[in-house]
Amino acid sequence: MDDSRPLFQQIAEALEGAVLDGSMPEGSQVPSINELAAFHRVNPATALKGVTLLVDAGILHKRRGIGMFVSEGARAQLLAARRADFVERHVAPVVAQARALGLTAAEVSALIVKEMER
């Protein structure tokens, strides 16, 4: 972990990535707080904070006495959130710039297709 975001957020995002790429499918058990802390070399309280973010969001759920599990629908929920973030962070600024340049939707679409075919 080497970026400027808080460690607990990086842990949450790593778990989200595992759900999204299928390495932690819905219904599967998540590593324990102590396992996450040891793997990421952080205090267990930091790992717990990252997991709690995902529990609060409904991505993970607790089974008393057993552990944490990936919730049903978690992948779809994460994909929807990531897509919305993509639109806000990337698409909306492109659209604003395209409008400022007087480009049509068809012209922007053609530019995107051309760029993706590179």
N, C-alpha and C. Protein backbone atom coordinates (compact mmCIF):
# COMPACT_ATOMS: atom_id res chain seq x y z
N MET A 1 0.85 -1.17 0.00
CA MET A 1 0.00 0.00 0.00
C MET A 1 0.90 1.23 0.00
N ASP A 2 0.78 1.98 -1.05
CA ASP A 2 1.73 3.06 -1.19
C ASP A 2 1.11 4.34 -1.72
N ASP A 3 -0.19 4.52 -1.56
CA ASP A 3 -0.74 5.79 -2.01
C ASP A 3 -1.17 6.63 -0.82
N SER A 4 -1.68 7.78 -1.10
CA SER A 4 -1.95 8.75 -0.04
C SER A 4 -3.29 8.54 0.65
N ARG A 5 -4.12 7.63 0.13
CA ARG A 5 -5.41 7.38 0.77
C ARG A 5 -5.21 6.66 2.09
N PRO A 6 -6.12 6.83 3.03
CA PRO A 6 -5.99 6.12 4.31
C PRO A 6 -5.92 4.61 4.11
N LEU A 7 -5.18 3.93 4.96
CA LEU A 7 -4.99 2.48 4.83
C LEU A 7 -6.31 1.73 4.89
N PHE A 8 -7.22 2.15 5.77
CA PHE A 8 -8.49 1.43 5.87
C PHE A 8 -9.27 1.51 4.56
N GLN A 9 -9.16 2.64 3.87
CA GLN A 9 -9.84 2.80 2.59
C GLN A 9 -9.19 1.92 1.53
N GLN A 10 -7.88 1.81 1.56
CA GLN A 10 -7.17 0.94 0.63
C GLN A 10 -7.56 -0.52 0.84
N ILE A 11 -7.73 -0.92 2.10
CA ILE A 11 -8.16 -2.29 2.41
C ILE A 11 -9.56 -2.53 1.86
N ALA A 12 -10.46 -1.58 2.09
CA ALA A 12 -11.83 -1.70 1.58
C ALA A 12 -11.82 -1.82 0.06
N GLU A 13 -11.02 -1.01 -0.61
CA GLU A 13 -10.96 -1.04 -2.07
C GLU A 13 -10.34 -2.34 -2.59
N ALA A 14 -9.39 -2.89 -1.85
CA ALA A 14 -8.80 -4.17 -2.25
C ALA A 14 -9.86 -5.28 -2.16
N LEU A 15 -10.66 -5.25 -1.11
CA LEU A 15 -11.74 -6.23 -0.98
C LEU A 15 -12.79 -6.04 -2.07
N GLU A 16 -13.11 -4.78 -2.37
CA GLU A 16 -14.04 -4.50 -3.46
C GLU A 16 -13.51 -5.06 -4.77
N GLY A 17 -12.23 -4.87 -5.02
CA GLY A 17 -11.60 -5.37 -6.24
C GLY A 17 -11.71 -6.89 -6.33
N ALA A 18 -11.55 -7.57 -5.21
CA ALA A 18 -11.66 -9.03 -5.20
C ALA A 18 -13.09 -9.48 -5.49
N VAL A 19 -14.07 -8.72 -5.01
CA VAL A 19 -15.47 -9.02 -5.32
C VAL A 19 -15.72 -8.79 -6.81
N LEU A 20 -15.23 -7.68 -7.32
CA LEU A 20 -15.44 -7.34 -8.73
C LEU A 20 -14.77 -8.32 -9.68
N ASP A 21 -13.55 -8.76 -9.36
CA ASP A 21 -12.85 -9.67 -10.28
C ASP A 21 -13.24 -11.13 -10.08
N GLY A 22 -14.10 -11.39 -9.11
CA GLY A 22 -14.60 -12.74 -8.91
C GLY A 22 -13.77 -13.62 -8.01
N SER A 23 -12.65 -13.12 -7.52
CA SER A 23 -11.84 -13.94 -6.63
C SER A 23 -12.48 -14.09 -5.25
N MET A 24 -13.42 -13.24 -4.92
CA MET A 24 -14.26 -13.38 -3.72
C MET A 24 -15.72 -13.30 -4.17
N PRO A 25 -16.27 -14.41 -4.60
CA PRO A 25 -17.65 -14.37 -5.11
C PRO A 25 -18.67 -14.14 -4.00
N GLU A 26 -19.86 -13.75 -4.42
CA GLU A 26 -20.95 -13.54 -3.47
C GLU A 26 -21.18 -14.82 -2.68
N GLY A 27 -21.36 -14.66 -1.39
CA GLY A 27 -21.56 -15.81 -0.50
C GLY A 27 -20.28 -16.36 0.09
N SER A 28 -19.13 -15.94 -0.44
CA SER A 28 -17.86 -16.47 0.06
C SER A 28 -17.44 -15.74 1.34
N GLN A 29 -16.67 -16.45 2.14
CA GLN A 29 -16.18 -15.87 3.39
C GLN A 29 -14.97 -14.98 3.12
N VAL A 30 -14.95 -13.87 3.82
CA VAL A 30 -13.86 -12.89 3.71
C VAL A 30 -12.81 -13.25 4.75
N PRO A 31 -11.53 -13.00 4.47
CA PRO A 31 -10.51 -13.25 5.50
C PRO A 31 -10.87 -12.51 6.80
N SER A 32 -10.44 -13.07 7.91
CA SER A 32 -10.72 -12.45 9.21
C SER A 32 -9.99 -11.11 9.33
N ILE A 33 -10.41 -10.34 10.30
CA ILE A 33 -9.77 -9.04 10.56
C ILE A 33 -8.29 -9.25 10.83
N ASN A 34 -7.95 -10.25 11.63
CA ASN A 34 -6.54 -10.50 11.94
C ASN A 34 -5.76 -10.94 10.71
N GLU A 35 -6.37 -11.73 9.84
CA GLU A 35 -5.71 -12.14 8.60
C GLU A 35 -5.48 -10.93 7.69
N LEU A 36 -6.49 -10.07 7.58
CA LEU A 36 -6.34 -8.86 6.76
C LEU A 36 -5.26 -7.95 7.33
N ALA A 37 -5.26 -7.81 8.65
CA ALA A 37 -4.26 -6.95 9.29
C ALA A 37 -2.85 -7.49 9.05
N ALA A 38 -2.67 -8.79 9.19
CA ALA A 38 -1.36 -9.39 8.97
C ALA A 38 -0.94 -9.26 7.51
N PHE A 39 -1.87 -9.52 6.59
CA PHE A 39 -1.55 -9.44 5.17
C PHE A 39 -1.13 -8.03 4.77
N HIS A 40 -1.88 -7.03 5.26
CA HIS A 40 -1.60 -5.64 4.88
C HIS A 40 -0.61 -4.96 5.83
N ARG A 41 -0.19 -5.69 6.84
CA ARG A 41 0.76 -5.17 7.84
C ARG A 41 0.26 -3.89 8.49
N VAL A 42 -0.97 -3.98 9.00
CA VAL A 42 -1.58 -2.85 9.69
C VAL A 42 -2.17 -3.35 11.01
N ASN A 43 -2.55 -2.41 11.83
CA ASN A 43 -3.21 -2.71 13.09
C ASN A 43 -4.58 -3.33 12.79
N PRO A 44 -5.02 -4.32 13.57
CA PRO A 44 -6.35 -4.89 13.35
C PRO A 44 -7.49 -3.85 13.37
N ALA A 45 -7.33 -2.80 14.15
CA ALA A 45 -8.36 -1.75 14.18
C ALA A 45 -8.48 -1.07 12.82
N THR A 46 -7.36 -0.93 12.12
CA THR A 46 -7.37 -0.33 10.78
C THR A 46 -8.08 -1.26 9.80
N ALA A 47 -7.77 -2.55 9.87
CA ALA A 47 -8.44 -3.52 9.01
C ALA A 47 -9.94 -3.55 9.30
N LEU A 48 -10.30 -3.52 10.57
CA LEU A 48 -11.71 -3.51 10.96
C LEU A 48 -12.43 -2.30 10.39
N LYS A 49 -11.78 -1.16 10.41
CA LYS A 49 -12.40 0.06 9.88
C LYS A 49 -12.68 -0.09 8.39
N GLY A 50 -11.77 -0.70 7.64
CA GLY A 50 -11.98 -0.93 6.22
C GLY A 50 -13.14 -1.89 5.96
N VAL A 51 -13.20 -2.96 6.74
CA VAL A 51 -14.28 -3.93 6.60
C VAL A 51 -15.61 -3.30 6.98
N THR A 52 -15.59 -2.48 8.02
CA THR A 52 -16.82 -1.83 8.48
C THR A 52 -17.41 -0.94 7.40
N LEU A 53 -16.56 -0.28 6.61
CA LEU A 53 -17.06 0.52 5.48
C LEU A 53 -17.91 -0.34 4.55
N LEU A 54 -17.44 -1.56 4.28
CA LEU A 54 -18.14 -2.44 3.36
C LEU A 54 -19.38 -3.06 3.99
N VAL A 55 -19.34 -3.30 5.29
CA VAL A 55 -20.53 -3.80 5.99
C VAL A 55 -21.60 -2.71 5.97
N ASP A 56 -21.20 -1.48 6.26
CA ASP A 56 -22.15 -0.35 6.26
C ASP A 56 -22.77 -0.14 4.88
N ALA A 57 -22.01 -0.44 3.83
CA ALA A 57 -22.50 -0.27 2.46
C ALA A 57 -23.32 -1.47 1.98
N GLY A 58 -23.35 -2.54 2.78
CA GLY A 58 -24.10 -3.73 2.39
C GLY A 58 -23.33 -4.67 1.48
N ILE A 59 -22.05 -4.42 1.28
CA ILE A 59 -21.21 -5.28 0.43
C ILE A 59 -20.86 -6.57 1.17
N LEU A 60 -20.58 -6.44 2.45
CA LEU A 60 -20.28 -7.58 3.31
C LEU A 60 -21.33 -7.66 4.42
N HIS A 61 -21.50 -8.84 4.97
CA HIS A 61 -22.38 -8.99 6.13
C HIS A 61 -21.74 -9.96 7.12
N LYS A 62 -22.10 -9.79 8.38
CA LYS A 62 -21.56 -10.61 9.45
C LYS A 62 -22.48 -11.79 9.71
N ARG A 63 -21.87 -12.93 9.96
CA ARG A 63 -22.60 -14.08 10.47
C ARG A 63 -22.02 -14.36 11.85
N ARG A 64 -22.82 -14.10 12.84
CA ARG A 64 -22.36 -14.17 14.23
C ARG A 64 -21.65 -15.49 14.51
N GLY A 65 -20.44 -15.36 15.02
CA GLY A 65 -19.66 -16.53 15.39
C GLY A 65 -18.98 -17.24 14.23
N ILE A 66 -19.22 -16.80 13.01
CA ILE A 66 -18.63 -17.47 11.84
C ILE A 66 -17.65 -16.55 11.12
N GLY A 67 -18.07 -15.29 10.90
CA GLY A 67 -17.19 -14.35 10.21
C GLY A 67 -17.95 -13.45 9.26
N MET A 68 -17.21 -12.86 8.34
CA MET A 68 -17.76 -11.94 7.35
C MET A 68 -17.90 -12.66 6.01
N PHE A 69 -18.96 -12.28 5.30
CA PHE A 69 -19.23 -12.90 4.00
C PHE A 69 -19.62 -11.83 3.00
N VAL A 70 -19.38 -12.13 1.72
CA VAL A 70 -19.77 -11.23 0.65
C VAL A 70 -21.29 -11.36 0.46
N SER A 71 -21.97 -10.24 0.48
CA SER A 71 -23.43 -10.22 0.36
C SER A 71 -23.88 -10.53 -1.05
N GLU A 72 -25.08 -11.10 -1.16
CA GLU A 72 -25.69 -11.31 -2.47
C GLU A 72 -25.95 -9.94 -3.10
N GLY A 73 -25.67 -9.82 -4.36
CA GLY A 73 -25.86 -8.55 -5.06
C GLY A 73 -24.72 -7.56 -4.89
N ALA A 74 -23.68 -7.95 -4.16
CA ALA A 74 -22.55 -7.04 -3.89
C ALA A 74 -21.84 -6.63 -5.17
N ARG A 75 -21.62 -7.58 -6.06
CA ARG A 75 -20.89 -7.27 -7.30
C ARG A 75 -21.66 -6.26 -8.14
N ALA A 76 -22.96 -6.48 -8.29
CA ALA A 76 -23.78 -5.55 -9.08
C ALA A 76 -23.81 -4.17 -8.42
N GLN A 77 -23.87 -4.15 -7.11
CA GLN A 77 -23.86 -2.87 -6.38
C GLN A 77 -22.55 -2.13 -6.60
N LEU A 78 -21.44 -2.86 -6.53
CA LEU A 78 -20.13 -2.24 -6.75
C LEU A 78 -19.98 -1.75 -8.18
N LEU A 79 -20.43 -2.56 -9.14
CA LEU A 79 -20.35 -2.15 -10.55
C LEU A 79 -21.15 -0.87 -10.79
N ALA A 80 -22.34 -0.80 -10.22
CA ALA A 80 -23.18 0.39 -10.38
C ALA A 80 -22.49 1.62 -9.78
N ALA A 81 -21.90 1.45 -8.61
CA ALA A 81 -21.21 2.57 -7.96
C ALA A 81 -19.98 3.00 -8.76
N ARG A 82 -19.22 2.02 -9.27
CA ARG A 82 -18.03 2.35 -10.05
C ARG A 82 -18.39 3.02 -11.37
N ARG A 83 -19.49 2.57 -11.98
CA ARG A 83 -19.93 3.20 -13.22
C ARG A 83 -20.37 4.63 -12.98
N ALA A 84 -21.11 4.86 -11.90
CA ALA A 84 -21.55 6.21 -11.56
C ALA A 84 -20.34 7.11 -11.29
N ASP A 85 -19.35 6.57 -10.61
CA ASP A 85 -18.12 7.33 -10.34
C ASP A 85 -17.39 7.63 -11.64
N PHE A 86 -17.35 6.67 -12.56
CA PHE A 86 -16.71 6.86 -13.86
C PHE A 86 -17.38 8.00 -14.63
N VAL A 87 -18.70 8.00 -14.62
CA VAL A 87 -19.44 9.07 -15.31
C VAL A 87 -19.10 10.42 -14.68
N GLU A 88 -19.15 10.48 -13.37
CA GLU A 88 -18.91 11.75 -12.68
C GLU A 88 -17.49 12.26 -12.87
N ARG A 89 -16.51 11.35 -12.78
CA ARG A 89 -15.11 11.77 -12.83
C ARG A 89 -14.55 11.91 -14.24
N HIS A 90 -15.11 11.16 -15.20
CA HIS A 90 -14.51 11.14 -16.53
C HIS A 90 -15.46 11.59 -17.65
N VAL A 91 -16.65 11.02 -17.68
CA VAL A 91 -17.56 11.32 -18.78
C VAL A 91 -18.09 12.75 -18.69
N ALA A 92 -18.55 13.15 -17.51
CA ALA A 92 -19.12 14.49 -17.37
C ALA A 92 -18.13 15.59 -17.77
N PRO A 93 -16.86 15.52 -17.35
CA PRO A 93 -15.91 16.54 -17.80
C PRO A 93 -15.68 16.52 -19.31
N VAL A 94 -15.68 15.32 -19.93
CA VAL A 94 -15.51 15.23 -21.38
C VAL A 94 -16.70 15.89 -22.08
N VAL A 95 -17.89 15.61 -21.58
CA VAL A 95 -19.10 16.20 -22.17
C VAL A 95 -19.06 17.72 -22.04
N ALA A 96 -18.67 18.21 -20.88
CA ALA A 96 -18.58 19.66 -20.68
C ALA A 96 -17.57 20.28 -21.64
N GLN A 97 -16.43 19.65 -21.80
CA GLN A 97 -15.40 20.16 -22.72
C GLN A 97 -15.89 20.07 -24.16
N ALA A 98 -16.57 18.98 -24.51
CA ALA A 98 -17.09 18.83 -25.87
C ALA A 98 -18.10 19.94 -26.18
N ARG A 99 -18.95 20.23 -25.23
CA ARG A 99 -19.93 21.31 -25.43
C ARG A 99 -19.21 22.64 -25.64
N ALA A 100 -18.17 22.86 -24.83
CA ALA A 100 -17.42 24.11 -24.94
C ALA A 100 -16.75 24.23 -26.31
N LEU A 101 -16.38 23.10 -26.90
CA LEU A 101 -15.73 23.09 -28.21
C LEU A 101 -16.73 23.02 -29.36
N GLY A 102 -18.00 22.87 -29.03
CA GLY A 102 -19.04 22.80 -30.06
C GLY A 102 -19.12 21.46 -30.76
N LEU A 103 -18.63 20.41 -30.12
CA LEU A 103 -18.69 19.07 -30.72
C LEU A 103 -20.07 18.46 -30.50
N THR A 104 -20.53 17.71 -31.48
CA THR A 104 -21.80 17.00 -31.34
C THR A 104 -21.56 15.67 -30.63
N ALA A 105 -22.64 15.05 -30.19
CA ALA A 105 -22.54 13.73 -29.56
C ALA A 105 -21.96 12.72 -30.54
N ALA A 106 -22.34 12.81 -31.80
CA ALA A 106 -21.83 11.90 -32.82
C ALA A 106 -20.32 12.08 -33.01
N GLU A 107 -19.87 13.32 -32.98
CA GLU A 107 -18.43 13.59 -33.15
C GLU A 107 -17.66 13.05 -31.94
N VAL A 108 -18.18 13.26 -30.76
CA VAL A 108 -17.52 12.76 -29.54
C VAL A 108 -17.48 11.24 -29.57
N SER A 109 -18.60 10.64 -29.96
CA SER A 109 -18.67 9.18 -30.05
C SER A 109 -17.63 8.65 -31.05
N ALA A 110 -17.52 9.28 -32.17
CA ALA A 110 -16.54 8.86 -33.18
C ALA A 110 -15.12 8.98 -32.65
N LEU A 111 -14.85 10.05 -31.91
CA LEU A 111 -13.52 10.23 -31.32
C LEU A 111 -13.21 9.13 -30.30
N ILE A 112 -14.21 8.78 -29.52
CA ILE A 112 -14.02 7.72 -28.52
C ILE A 112 -13.78 6.39 -29.20
N VAL A 113 -14.57 6.07 -30.20
CA VAL A 113 -14.39 4.82 -30.94
C VAL A 113 -12.99 4.77 -31.55
N LYS A 114 -12.58 5.85 -32.16
CA LYS A 114 -11.25 5.91 -32.78
C LYS A 114 -10.15 5.68 -31.73
N GLU A 115 -10.30 6.30 -30.59
CA GLU A 115 -9.31 6.17 -29.52
C GLU A 115 -9.28 4.75 -28.97
N MET A 116 -10.44 4.14 -28.84
CA MET A 116 -10.49 2.77 -28.30
C MET A 116 -9.93 1.74 -29.27
N GLU A 117 -9.94 2.06 -30.55
CA GLU A 117 -9.42 1.13 -31.56
C GLU A 117 -7.90 1.22 -31.72
N ARG A 118 -7.28 2.14 -31.06
CA ARG A 118 -5.82 2.26 -31.15
C ARG A 118 -5.13 1.07 -30.59
